[in-house]
Amino acid sequence: MPPGNPGRVAGLADLSRPELAIALCDAAVPCGAAAATAFAAAGLTPAPDTLEQDVTAVLTKVELGEADAGLVYRTDVRAAAGKVEGIEFPEAAGAGTDYPIGVLAESAHPAEARAFADYVRGRGARCSPRPASVRPDLRRMPAALWVPAGIAIALLVLPLLALVLRVPWGDLGGLLLAPGSLQALGLSVGTALLSTLLCLLLGIPLAAVLAGADPWPTPLRRALRAVVTVPLVLPPVVGGIALLLLVGRRGLLGAPLGALGIAIPFSTPAVVIAQTFVSLPFLVLAVEGALRGSDARYAMVAASLGASRWYAFRRVTLPLVAPGIVSGAVLCFARALGEFGATITFAGSLPGVTRTLPVAAYLGLQTDPDAAIVLALLLLVVALAVLVSLRERWLRGIA
């Protein structure tokens, strides 16, 4: 029952009361068969309002208050941790579910298997641990893999270590507080925040479309996914060239915009557009993964209560996938902050207008190497902080 037992259910017989909404498992699944046995033992004929396909669905209906009572296993009530209440009834004694267990004839370790089966059947035996000689240790990799793995680690770590070792620590504060560095930092943070906001406004709807595209024809679905993911594998410079050909002075849309007095290239809005182009897939894929992993039954319950699809999406689905949205937004911000190729190709390099941190670091390497190293260190710290803060959630989201 829901907390507080609003239906005043005291026993199995109360589940026959017509004014109560009852949720049971379908008779074709084990929990439904056990419920049928209990009702038969009590001489009752239930009239359930819904027949679910598993115990979790019954619990969900009760937790949400859509059902006044449901019949589930005792262990499920305990696992609900106070979200529902349970009562014992004597008819449950003969309504257990039998699961066969045995030892395979071709078992490589029949003694251990038999001990485990006896333990499960409650005969007092204890399952002895497998001998170390036969216990598989998946953490021990073949020795031949360590050499290329070590080379790969060195390839990833040594360049970053060289960067840290070359940092002029004594002049770090002065270089970071130099007017050019502060100007590039402020521009980068401001444009990255704007592009992240733009990605949220455009990317969440696109992620919802992708998550619901399974019924679409396969070629159309694959084409849409390719369009979304191509900026991940496209060289950023190519993205900058494409943007320049689209909204440049002589571009496909740039010429009509120029006739209206709107010039986008070599401006701060061009930086935001370039950053959005390269970082949008990170948000879309993270949010799509969260949407696919969310429980759609909550939105279905909201719809059954009369909520529109837009209301259910805003008030039910979005709060459920909020961690995925946050992870995608943080990744999006970090990618936008570090964007270089598309920015310098499409937006150019003008101090205070389009010269972001990566562009300033690249140019500084030719005139002031120490300043370039310090800016590169700042970008490295931001990237590491993002990955540490996400704690591998971005891997699950994108997968």
Protein backbone atom coordinates (compact mmCIF):
# COMPACT_ATOMS: atom_id res chain seq x y z
CA MET A 1 0.00 0.00 0.00
CA PRO A 2 1.09 3.64 -0.30
CA PRO A 3 2.53 5.15 2.89
CA GLY A 4 -0.20 5.63 5.45
CA ASN A 5 -2.39 2.89 3.94
CA PRO A 6 -5.09 5.29 2.73
CA GLY A 7 -7.25 2.37 1.54
CA ARG A 8 -7.26 0.83 5.05
CA VAL A 9 -6.24 -2.56 3.69
CA ALA A 10 -5.96 -5.08 6.54
CA GLY A 11 -5.76 -8.40 4.71
CA LEU A 12 -6.05 -10.26 1.44
CA ALA A 13 -9.86 -10.13 1.55
CA ASP A 14 -9.77 -6.34 1.33
CA LEU A 15 -8.35 -6.60 -2.18
CA SER A 16 -11.81 -7.67 -3.33
CA ARG A 17 -13.36 -4.38 -2.25
CA PRO A 18 -14.69 -2.69 -5.40
CA GLU A 19 -13.82 0.85 -4.33
CA LEU A 20 -10.09 0.05 -4.20
CA ALA A 21 -7.75 0.27 -7.18
CA ILE A 22 -5.74 -2.95 -7.22
CA ALA A 23 -2.53 -3.70 -9.15
CA LEU A 24 -1.48 -7.33 -9.67
CA CYS A 25 1.05 -9.15 -11.79
CA ASP A 26 -0.26 -10.97 -14.84
CA ALA A 27 -0.83 -14.68 -14.25
CA ALA A 28 1.73 -15.52 -16.96
CA VAL A 29 4.63 -14.22 -14.82
CA PRO A 30 5.84 -15.77 -11.53
CA CYS A 31 4.54 -13.01 -9.24
CA GLY A 32 1.11 -13.30 -10.89
CA ALA A 33 1.05 -17.07 -10.48
CA ALA A 34 1.94 -16.69 -6.79
CA ALA A 35 -0.85 -14.12 -6.36
CA ALA A 36 -3.35 -16.49 -8.03
CA THR A 37 -2.32 -19.26 -5.62
CA ALA A 38 -2.84 -16.99 -2.62
CA PHE A 39 -6.28 -15.86 -3.79
CA ALA A 40 -7.31 -19.46 -4.48
CA ALA A 41 -6.22 -20.50 -0.98
CA ALA A 42 -8.37 -17.69 0.47
CA GLY A 43 -11.35 -18.55 -1.75
CA LEU A 44 -11.32 -15.07 -3.27
CA THR A 45 -11.74 -13.85 -6.84
CA PRO A 46 -9.84 -10.59 -7.33
CA ALA A 47 -10.93 -7.87 -9.73
CA PRO A 48 -7.65 -6.05 -10.47
CA ASP A 49 -7.63 -2.68 -12.17
CA THR A 50 -4.34 -3.43 -13.92
CA LEU A 51 -2.26 -6.51 -14.68
CA GLU A 52 1.45 -5.73 -14.89
CA GLN A 53 4.30 -7.71 -16.39
CA ASP A 54 6.61 -7.58 -13.38
CA VAL A 55 6.77 -6.70 -9.70
CA THR A 56 8.51 -3.39 -10.38
CA ALA A 57 5.54 -2.15 -12.38
CA VAL A 58 3.15 -3.06 -9.55
CA LEU A 59 5.37 -1.24 -7.04
CA THR A 60 5.50 1.82 -9.28
CA LYS A 61 1.71 2.03 -9.46
CA VAL A 62 1.48 1.81 -5.68
CA GLU A 63 4.35 4.27 -5.06
CA LEU A 64 2.70 6.85 -7.30
CA GLY A 65 -0.63 6.39 -5.52
CA GLU A 66 -2.33 5.15 -8.68
CA ALA A 67 -3.17 1.87 -6.92
CA ASP A 68 -4.48 1.51 -3.38
CA ALA A 69 -2.80 -1.86 -2.99
CA GLY A 70 -0.78 -4.43 -4.89
CA LEU A 71 0.50 -7.94 -4.33
CA VAL A 72 4.30 -8.25 -4.45
CA TYR A 73 7.02 -10.25 -2.76
CA ARG A 74 8.04 -9.43 0.81
CA THR A 75 11.58 -8.68 -0.33
CA ASP A 76 10.33 -6.06 -2.79
CA VAL A 77 8.52 -4.21 0.00
CA ARG A 78 11.73 -4.15 2.01
CA ALA A 79 13.75 -2.96 -0.97
CA ALA A 80 11.32 -0.07 -1.51
CA ALA A 81 12.79 1.51 1.64
CA GLY A 82 9.65 3.13 3.04
CA LYS A 83 8.10 4.16 -0.28
CA VAL A 84 5.36 1.58 0.31
CA GLU A 85 3.92 -0.27 3.30
CA GLY A 86 3.35 -4.00 3.58
CA ILE A 87 1.20 -6.33 5.64
CA GLU A 88 1.51 -10.06 6.15
CA PHE A 89 -1.37 -12.45 5.36
CA PRO A 90 -1.50 -16.18 6.13
CA GLU A 91 -2.38 -17.24 2.59
CA ALA A 92 1.14 -16.22 1.51
CA ALA A 93 2.60 -19.32 3.16
CA GLY A 94 1.63 -21.57 0.28
CA ALA A 95 2.12 -19.06 -2.50
CA GLY A 96 5.84 -19.25 -3.01
CA THR A 97 7.59 -19.40 -6.36
CA ASP A 98 9.74 -22.44 -7.12
CA TYR A 99 12.95 -21.97 -9.08
CA PRO A 100 14.74 -25.20 -10.03
CA ILE A 101 18.44 -25.48 -9.32
CA GLY A 102 20.81 -28.30 -10.14
CA VAL A 103 24.35 -29.21 -11.13
CA LEU A 104 25.22 -29.47 -14.80
CA ALA A 105 26.44 -32.90 -15.86
CA GLU A 106 29.39 -31.33 -17.69
CA SER A 107 30.31 -29.01 -14.81
CA ALA A 108 34.06 -28.53 -14.42
CA HIS A 109 33.66 -28.12 -10.64
CA PRO A 110 30.78 -30.37 -9.58
CA ALA A 111 31.67 -30.38 -5.87
CA GLU A 112 31.54 -26.59 -5.59
CA ALA A 113 28.38 -26.45 -7.69
CA ARG A 114 26.69 -29.06 -5.52
CA ALA A 115 27.68 -27.18 -2.36
CA PHE A 116 26.20 -23.98 -3.76
CA ALA A 117 22.97 -25.75 -4.73
CA ASP A 118 22.69 -27.26 -1.23
CA TYR A 119 23.27 -23.83 0.29
CA VAL A 120 20.51 -22.27 -1.80
CA ARG A 121 18.13 -25.11 -0.90
CA GLY A 122 18.89 -24.47 2.78
CA ARG A 123 20.38 -27.80 3.69
CA GLY A 124 22.98 -26.25 5.92
CA ALA A 125 25.87 -26.62 3.51
CA ARG A 126 28.07 -23.68 2.73
CA CYS A 127 29.41 -22.83 -0.66
CA SER A 128 33.16 -23.15 -0.41
CA PRO A 129 35.19 -20.60 -2.33
CA ARG A 130 36.69 -21.72 -5.57
CA PRO A 131 40.34 -22.69 -5.32
CA ALA A 132 42.73 -19.99 -6.37
CA SER A 133 43.99 -22.26 -9.12
CA VAL A 134 40.63 -22.24 -10.88
CA ARG A 135 39.30 -18.82 -9.92
CA PRO A 136 39.45 -16.59 -13.01
CA ASP A 137 41.03 -13.19 -12.44
CA LEU A 138 39.90 -10.95 -15.26
CA ARG A 139 42.14 -8.17 -13.97
CA ARG A 140 45.27 -10.09 -14.95
CA MET A 141 45.94 -9.29 -18.58
CA PRO A 142 48.35 -11.17 -20.84
CA ALA A 143 51.87 -9.84 -20.42
CA ALA A 144 52.11 -9.09 -24.15
CA LEU A 145 49.49 -6.35 -23.78
CA TRP A 146 51.47 -4.31 -21.29
CA VAL A 147 54.09 -3.09 -23.77
CA PRO A 148 51.72 -1.42 -26.26
CA ALA A 149 49.53 -0.26 -23.38
CA GLY A 150 52.55 1.37 -21.76
CA ILE A 151 53.47 3.08 -25.02
CA ALA A 152 49.90 4.38 -25.34
CA ILE A 153 49.97 5.75 -21.78
CA ALA A 154 53.31 7.41 -22.44
CA LEU A 155 51.96 8.96 -25.63
CA LEU A 156 49.07 10.46 -23.68
CA VAL A 157 50.90 11.51 -20.52
CA LEU A 158 54.39 12.61 -21.58
CA PRO A 159 53.30 15.61 -23.71
CA LEU A 160 51.18 16.91 -20.85
CA LEU A 161 54.03 16.29 -18.41
CA ALA A 162 56.39 18.21 -20.67
CA LEU A 163 53.92 21.11 -20.68
CA VAL A 164 53.73 21.16 -16.88
CA LEU A 165 57.51 20.97 -16.52
CA ARG A 166 58.03 23.92 -18.86
CA VAL A 167 55.60 26.22 -17.05
CA PRO A 168 57.38 29.35 -15.78
CA TRP A 169 56.00 28.99 -12.26
CA GLY A 170 57.79 32.10 -11.01
CA ASP A 171 56.04 34.31 -13.58
CA LEU A 172 52.75 32.42 -13.57
CA GLY A 173 50.72 35.09 -11.81
CA GLY A 174 52.00 37.94 -13.93
CA LEU A 175 51.43 36.08 -17.19
CA LEU A 176 47.90 35.06 -16.20
CA LEU A 177 47.03 38.62 -15.16
CA ALA A 178 48.45 40.21 -18.29
CA PRO A 179 45.83 42.30 -20.14
CA GLY A 180 45.94 40.08 -23.22
CA SER A 181 45.48 36.90 -21.17
CA LEU A 182 42.59 38.31 -19.14
CA GLN A 183 40.95 39.62 -22.31
CA ALA A 184 41.21 36.21 -24.01
CA LEU A 185 40.02 34.45 -20.86
CA GLY A 186 36.97 36.68 -20.49
CA LEU A 187 36.06 36.32 -24.16
CA SER A 188 36.47 32.54 -24.05
CA VAL A 189 34.37 32.08 -20.93
CA GLY A 190 31.65 34.42 -22.17
CA THR A 191 31.36 32.85 -25.63
CA ALA A 192 31.58 29.31 -24.19
CA LEU A 193 28.70 30.07 -21.83
CA LEU A 194 26.62 31.51 -24.69
CA SER A 195 27.34 28.54 -26.95
CA THR A 196 26.48 26.14 -24.12
CA LEU A 197 23.16 27.91 -23.62
CA LEU A 198 22.51 27.71 -27.36
CA CYS A 199 23.38 24.01 -27.33
CA LEU A 200 20.91 23.44 -24.49
CA LEU A 201 18.13 25.24 -26.36
CA LEU A 202 18.76 23.33 -29.58
CA GLY A 203 20.33 20.11 -28.37
CA ILE A 204 17.73 18.89 -25.87
CA PRO A 205 14.93 18.86 -28.48
CA LEU A 206 17.26 17.18 -30.98
CA ALA A 207 18.24 14.55 -28.39
CA ALA A 208 14.55 13.87 -27.72
CA VAL A 209 13.96 13.40 -31.45
CA LEU A 210 16.91 11.00 -31.67
CA ALA A 211 15.76 9.03 -28.64
CA GLY A 212 12.31 8.59 -30.17
CA ALA A 213 13.51 7.83 -33.71
CA ASP A 214 13.51 4.03 -33.37
CA PRO A 215 10.25 3.61 -35.34
CA TRP A 216 11.66 5.64 -38.24
CA PRO A 217 12.94 3.96 -41.42
CA THR A 218 16.50 2.78 -40.88
CA PRO A 219 18.11 4.95 -43.61
CA LEU A 220 16.47 8.11 -42.24
CA ARG A 221 17.45 7.28 -38.67
CA ARG A 222 21.07 6.59 -39.66
CA ALA A 223 21.25 9.76 -41.71
CA LEU A 224 20.05 11.86 -38.77
CA ARG A 225 22.58 10.27 -36.43
CA ALA A 226 25.35 10.82 -38.96
CA VAL A 227 24.46 14.50 -39.22
CA VAL A 228 24.59 14.83 -35.44
CA THR A 229 27.90 13.02 -34.98
CA VAL A 230 29.86 14.27 -38.00
CA PRO A 231 31.30 17.32 -36.12
CA LEU A 232 32.95 14.84 -33.72
CA VAL A 233 35.09 13.34 -36.50
CA LEU A 234 35.30 16.34 -38.83
CA PRO A 235 38.52 18.38 -38.58
CA PRO A 236 37.54 21.67 -36.92
CA VAL A 237 39.20 23.64 -39.72
CA VAL A 238 36.85 21.96 -42.19
CA GLY A 239 33.94 23.01 -39.99
CA GLY A 240 35.22 26.58 -40.06
CA ILE A 241 35.50 26.53 -43.85
CA ALA A 242 31.95 25.15 -44.12
CA LEU A 243 30.62 27.89 -41.85
CA LEU A 244 32.49 30.50 -43.85
CA LEU A 245 30.94 29.20 -47.08
CA LEU A 246 27.51 29.27 -45.46
CA VAL A 247 27.42 32.68 -43.77
CA GLY A 248 30.54 34.36 -45.14
CA ARG A 249 30.26 37.55 -47.16
CA ARG A 250 29.75 35.49 -50.32
CA GLY A 251 28.26 32.47 -48.61
CA LEU A 252 25.01 30.72 -49.28
CA LEU A 253 23.24 32.72 -46.57
CA GLY A 254 25.90 35.34 -46.02
CA ALA A 255 25.19 37.27 -49.20
CA PRO A 256 21.48 37.78 -48.41
CA LEU A 257 22.38 38.67 -44.82
CA GLY A 258 24.99 41.13 -46.06
CA ALA A 259 22.35 42.85 -48.16
CA LEU A 260 20.47 43.42 -44.91
CA GLY A 261 23.56 44.84 -43.24
CA ILE A 262 24.27 41.72 -41.15
CA ALA A 263 27.90 40.54 -41.17
CA ILE A 264 28.72 37.44 -39.12
CA PRO A 265 32.31 36.42 -39.96
CA PHE A 266 35.15 37.88 -37.89
CA SER A 267 32.79 38.83 -35.07
CA THR A 268 32.02 37.56 -31.59
CA PRO A 269 28.76 35.90 -32.77
CA ALA A 270 30.93 33.97 -35.25
CA VAL A 271 32.92 32.59 -32.31
CA VAL A 272 29.71 31.45 -30.62
CA ILE A 273 28.47 29.79 -33.83
CA ALA A 274 31.79 27.99 -34.35
CA GLN A 275 31.84 26.76 -30.75
CA THR A 276 28.23 25.61 -30.99
CA PHE A 277 28.95 23.69 -34.20
CA VAL A 278 31.74 21.60 -32.65
CA SER A 279 30.27 21.14 -29.15
CA LEU A 280 26.59 20.45 -29.90
CA PRO A 281 27.09 16.67 -30.50
CA PHE A 282 28.50 16.23 -26.98
CA LEU A 283 25.30 17.56 -25.43
CA VAL A 284 22.97 15.74 -27.85
CA LEU A 285 24.58 12.33 -27.33
CA ALA A 286 24.77 12.72 -23.55
CA VAL A 287 21.12 13.74 -23.25
CA GLU A 288 19.98 11.08 -25.72
CA GLY A 289 21.70 8.41 -23.62
CA ALA A 290 19.99 9.75 -20.50
CA LEU A 291 16.60 9.76 -22.24
CA ARG A 292 17.01 6.19 -23.43
CA GLY A 293 17.97 5.08 -19.93
CA SER A 294 15.10 6.87 -18.17
CA ASP A 295 11.94 5.10 -17.04
CA ALA A 296 9.22 6.00 -19.54
CA ARG A 297 6.48 4.73 -17.24
CA TYR A 298 6.45 7.97 -15.27
CA ALA A 299 5.59 9.94 -18.41
CA MET A 300 2.95 7.32 -19.24
CA VAL A 301 1.39 7.75 -15.81
CA ALA A 302 1.40 11.53 -16.29
CA ALA A 303 -0.34 11.08 -19.64
CA SER A 304 -2.92 8.80 -18.05
CA LEU A 305 -3.70 11.62 -15.60
CA GLY A 306 -4.43 13.99 -18.47
CA ALA A 307 -1.05 15.69 -18.89
CA SER A 308 -0.18 16.78 -22.41
CA ARG A 309 2.97 15.42 -24.03
CA TRP A 310 4.66 18.82 -23.71
CA TYR A 311 3.72 19.12 -20.03
CA ALA A 312 4.88 15.55 -19.30
CA PHE A 313 8.18 16.23 -21.09
CA ARG A 314 8.80 19.45 -19.14
CA ARG A 315 7.64 18.35 -15.70
CA VAL A 316 8.41 14.62 -15.70
CA THR A 317 10.98 13.60 -18.31
CA LEU A 318 13.37 16.55 -18.05
CA PRO A 319 13.77 16.26 -14.23
CA LEU A 320 14.48 12.53 -14.66
CA VAL A 321 17.32 13.17 -17.13
CA ALA A 322 18.67 16.30 -15.40
CA PRO A 323 22.01 14.60 -14.48
CA GLY A 324 22.57 13.72 -18.13
CA ILE A 325 21.76 17.28 -19.18
CA VAL A 326 24.23 18.68 -16.64
CA SER A 327 26.96 16.27 -17.76
CA GLY A 328 26.36 17.13 -21.41
CA ALA A 329 26.35 20.87 -20.67
CA VAL A 330 29.66 20.66 -18.79
CA LEU A 331 31.25 18.70 -21.62
CA CYS A 332 29.80 21.16 -24.10
CA PHE A 333 31.27 24.11 -22.19
CA ALA A 334 34.72 22.49 -21.99
CA ARG A 335 34.72 21.69 -25.71
CA ALA A 336 33.61 25.21 -26.58
CA LEU A 337 36.27 26.72 -24.32
CA GLY A 338 38.99 24.76 -26.13
CA GLU A 339 37.76 25.28 -29.70
CA PHE A 340 40.47 26.57 -32.05
CA GLY A 341 40.31 25.39 -35.67
CA ALA A 342 36.79 26.42 -36.59
CA THR A 343 37.14 29.66 -34.63
CA ILE A 344 40.31 30.94 -36.26
CA THR A 345 39.07 29.91 -39.73
CA PHE A 346 35.58 31.36 -39.46
CA ALA A 347 35.92 34.11 -36.85
CA GLY A 348 39.54 35.13 -37.29
CA SER A 349 41.76 36.62 -34.58
CA LEU A 350 41.00 40.09 -33.30
CA PRO A 351 41.90 40.93 -29.67
CA GLY A 352 38.82 41.41 -27.53
CA VAL A 353 36.51 40.30 -30.34
CA THR A 354 37.47 36.84 -31.61
CA ARG A 355 40.86 36.02 -30.01
CA THR A 356 39.90 33.28 -27.56
CA LEU A 357 42.29 31.41 -25.24
CA PRO A 358 43.30 28.69 -27.76
CA VAL A 359 43.89 31.29 -30.48
CA ALA A 360 45.88 33.48 -28.07
CA ALA A 361 47.98 30.47 -27.02
CA TYR A 362 48.71 29.60 -30.65
CA LEU A 363 49.72 33.14 -31.54
CA GLY A 364 51.64 33.60 -28.31
CA LEU A 365 53.82 30.59 -29.14
CA GLN A 366 55.33 32.70 -31.94
CA THR A 367 55.87 35.89 -29.93
CA ASP A 368 55.79 35.00 -26.20
CA PRO A 369 56.26 31.26 -25.59
CA ASP A 370 55.97 31.58 -21.79
CA ALA A 371 52.55 33.23 -22.08
CA ALA A 372 51.44 30.52 -24.53
CA ILE A 373 52.53 27.79 -22.12
CA VAL A 374 50.61 29.41 -19.27
CA LEU A 375 47.43 29.67 -21.36
CA ALA A 376 47.84 26.06 -22.45
CA LEU A 377 48.18 25.03 -18.80
CA LEU A 378 44.98 26.92 -17.97
CA LEU A 379 43.08 25.04 -20.69
CA LEU A 380 44.55 21.75 -19.46
CA VAL A 381 43.41 22.45 -15.88
CA VAL A 382 39.89 23.24 -17.09
CA ALA A 383 39.73 20.01 -19.11
CA LEU A 384 40.95 17.88 -16.20
CA ALA A 385 38.54 19.59 -13.79
CA VAL A 386 35.64 18.81 -16.12
CA LEU A 387 36.53 15.13 -16.47
CA VAL A 388 37.11 14.70 -12.74
CA SER A 389 33.83 16.42 -11.86
CA LEU A 390 31.84 14.17 -14.20
CA ARG A 391 33.30 10.98 -12.66
CA GLU A 392 32.89 8.90 -15.85
CA ARG A 393 29.20 9.82 -16.26
CA TRP A 394 29.96 11.26 -19.70
CA LEU A 395 31.10 7.81 -20.90
CA ARG A 396 27.76 6.25 -19.97
CA GLY A 397 25.84 9.15 -21.40
CA ILE A 398 27.48 9.02 -24.80
CA ALA A 399 27.32 5.23 -24.91
